């Protein structure tokens, strides 16, 4: 039996970190892994440009295979960041428009509330006679 040590990627998939032909009990206790038959073959790794190959194990069937994931290029990262910036700017413009509309609505509400208040009568200014100054 071979012992395949792996890091779990999902419920049914692991990334192979080592394959031991005769794993000791100590290794099996320290690592997460599974025993597989000796005749299980490791597929040949294909050379796919712009892709990274990851040796995986199907945890349900113990099948070992390569998973090819496209490399993230510098230009694709720049394009992604440009798109995120453009999306953020669009959201900011919409929020600015909404803010302006909210301010207008508040001004109109304030004017409406003021129009509902009873008019205050002007305070009459009674002339208070001044005391004669002593000279």
Protein backbone atom coordinates (compact mmCIF):
# COMPACT_ATOMS: atom_id res chain seq x y z
CA UNK A 1 0.00 0.00 0.00
CA UNK A 2 1.07 3.56 -0.72
CA UNK A 3 0.18 6.42 1.58
CA UNK A 4 -0.91 9.66 -0.12
CA UNK A 5 -0.63 12.72 2.12
CA UNK A 6 -2.78 15.65 1.08
CA UNK A 7 -4.13 19.05 2.04
CA UNK A 8 -7.91 19.13 1.77
CA UNK A 9 -9.17 21.53 -0.91
CA UNK A 10 -12.85 20.70 -0.76
CA UNK A 11 -15.12 17.97 0.56
CA UNK A 12 -14.02 15.51 -2.13
CA UNK A 13 -10.65 16.84 -3.32
CA UNK A 14 -7.18 17.08 -1.82
CA UNK A 15 -3.88 18.49 -3.09
CA UNK A 16 -1.23 15.78 -2.92
CA UNK A 17 1.77 16.86 -0.85
CA UNK A 18 3.61 13.52 -0.74
CA UNK A 19 3.33 9.88 -1.69
CA UNK A 20 5.00 7.33 0.58
CA UNK A 21 5.64 3.78 -0.58
CA UNK A 22 6.02 2.49 2.95
CA UNK A 23 4.76 5.11 5.39
CA UNK A 24 5.45 4.60 9.05
CA UNK A 25 2.70 4.80 11.62
CA UNK A 26 4.29 8.03 12.86
CA UNK A 27 3.97 9.67 9.42
CA UNK A 28 0.37 8.51 9.08
CA UNK A 29 -0.45 10.05 12.48
CA UNK A 30 1.18 13.38 11.63
CA UNK A 31 -0.27 13.88 8.15
CA UNK A 32 -3.72 13.80 6.65
CA UNK A 33 -3.76 11.07 4.05
CA UNK A 34 -5.17 7.87 2.66
CA UNK A 35 -3.81 4.43 1.78
CA UNK A 36 -4.08 3.52 -1.90
CA UNK A 37 -3.21 0.43 -3.91
CA UNK A 38 0.35 0.10 -5.21
CA UNK A 39 -0.83 -0.20 -8.80
CA UNK A 40 -2.46 3.24 -8.84
CA UNK A 41 -0.62 5.25 -11.47
CA UNK A 42 0.25 8.91 -11.29
CA UNK A 43 -0.67 10.54 -14.60
CA UNK A 44 1.96 12.30 -16.66
CA UNK A 45 2.04 16.03 -16.15
CA UNK A 46 1.20 17.97 -19.29
CA UNK A 47 3.09 21.14 -20.13
CA UNK A 48 0.28 23.63 -20.64
CA UNK A 49 1.49 27.20 -21.19
CA UNK A 50 0.04 29.79 -18.84
CA UNK A 51 -1.28 27.08 -16.49
CA UNK A 52 -0.09 25.68 -13.17
CA UNK A 53 -0.47 21.95 -12.58
CA UNK A 54 -1.67 20.69 -9.19
CA UNK A 55 -1.56 17.00 -8.32
CA UNK A 56 -4.94 16.18 -6.78
CA UNK A 57 -6.65 13.18 -5.26
CA UNK A 58 -10.34 12.44 -5.45
CA UNK A 59 -11.14 11.55 -1.84
CA UNK A 60 -14.12 9.39 -2.80
CA UNK A 61 -12.42 7.23 -5.43
CA UNK A 62 -8.70 7.73 -4.52
CA UNK A 63 -8.05 8.64 -8.16
CA UNK A 64 -4.94 10.78 -8.61
CA UNK A 65 -5.00 13.38 -11.39
CA UNK A 66 -3.61 16.78 -12.40
CA UNK A 67 -5.70 19.89 -12.12
CA UNK A 68 -4.57 22.67 -14.47
CA UNK A 69 -5.33 26.21 -13.36
CA UNK A 70 -4.69 29.23 -15.54
CA UNK A 71 -1.86 31.44 -14.34
CA UNK A 72 -2.80 34.91 -13.34
CA UNK A 73 -0.80 37.24 -15.54
CA UNK A 74 0.29 40.71 -14.56
CA UNK A 75 -1.81 42.27 -17.33
CA UNK A 76 -4.94 40.37 -16.28
CA UNK A 77 -4.45 41.64 -12.70
CA UNK A 78 -4.14 45.23 -14.00
CA UNK A 79 -7.27 44.79 -16.11
CA UNK A 80 -9.13 43.39 -13.10
CA UNK A 81 -8.09 46.32 -10.93
CA UNK A 82 -9.07 48.80 -13.66
CA UNK A 83 -12.51 47.20 -13.84
CA UNK A 84 -12.89 47.34 -10.05
CA UNK A 85 -11.90 51.03 -10.09
CA UNK A 86 -14.36 51.77 -12.87
CA UNK A 87 -17.14 49.98 -10.96
CA UNK A 88 -16.29 51.91 -7.79
CA UNK A 89 -16.36 55.22 -9.67
CA UNK A 90 -19.75 54.38 -11.15
CA UNK A 91 -21.11 53.55 -7.68
CA UNK A 92 -19.68 56.80 -6.29
CA UNK A 93 -21.37 58.82 -9.03
CA UNK A 94 -24.71 57.14 -8.28
CA UNK A 95 -24.28 57.77 -4.57
CA UNK A 96 -23.48 61.44 -5.24
CA UNK A 97 -26.67 61.76 -7.31
CA UNK A 98 -28.70 60.09 -4.57
CA UNK A 99 -27.14 62.37 -1.97
CA UNK A 100 -28.12 65.46 -3.97
CA UNK A 101 -31.68 64.17 -4.36
CA UNK A 102 -31.84 63.44 -0.62
CA UNK A 103 -30.67 66.98 0.19
CA UNK A 104 -33.33 68.45 -2.11
CA UNK A 105 -35.98 66.26 -0.49
CA UNK A 106 -34.89 67.40 2.98
CA UNK A 107 -35.08 71.06 1.94
CA UNK A 108 -38.58 70.50 0.53
CA UNK A 109 -39.64 68.68 3.69
CA UNK A 110 -38.28 71.51 5.83
CA UNK A 111 -40.21 74.05 3.76
CA UNK A 112 -43.38 71.94 4.07
CA UNK A 113 -43.03 71.69 7.85
CA UNK A 114 -42.46 75.42 8.11
CA UNK A 115 -45.59 76.10 6.02
CA UNK A 116 -47.67 74.00 8.44
CA UNK A 117 -46.55 75.90 11.51
CA UNK A 118 -48.90 78.68 12.65
CA UNK A 119 -47.69 82.12 11.88
CA UNK A 120 -46.25 83.90 14.83
CA UNK A 121 -47.68 87.27 15.66
CA UNK A 122 -45.06 89.96 15.65
CA UNK A 123 -44.00 91.03 19.09
CA UNK A 124 -45.25 94.53 19.70
CA UNK A 125 -42.60 96.89 20.76
CA UNK A 126 -44.12 98.92 23.48
CA UNK A 127 -42.31 102.07 24.02
CA UNK A 128 -41.12 102.13 27.51
CA UNK A 129 -40.84 105.73 28.71
CA UNK A 130 -37.38 106.67 29.65
CA UNK A 131 -36.85 108.14 33.01
CA UNK A 132 -35.78 111.68 33.04
CA UNK A 133 -32.13 112.05 33.39
CA UNK A 134 -30.98 114.15 36.24
CA UNK A 135 -28.65 116.75 35.11
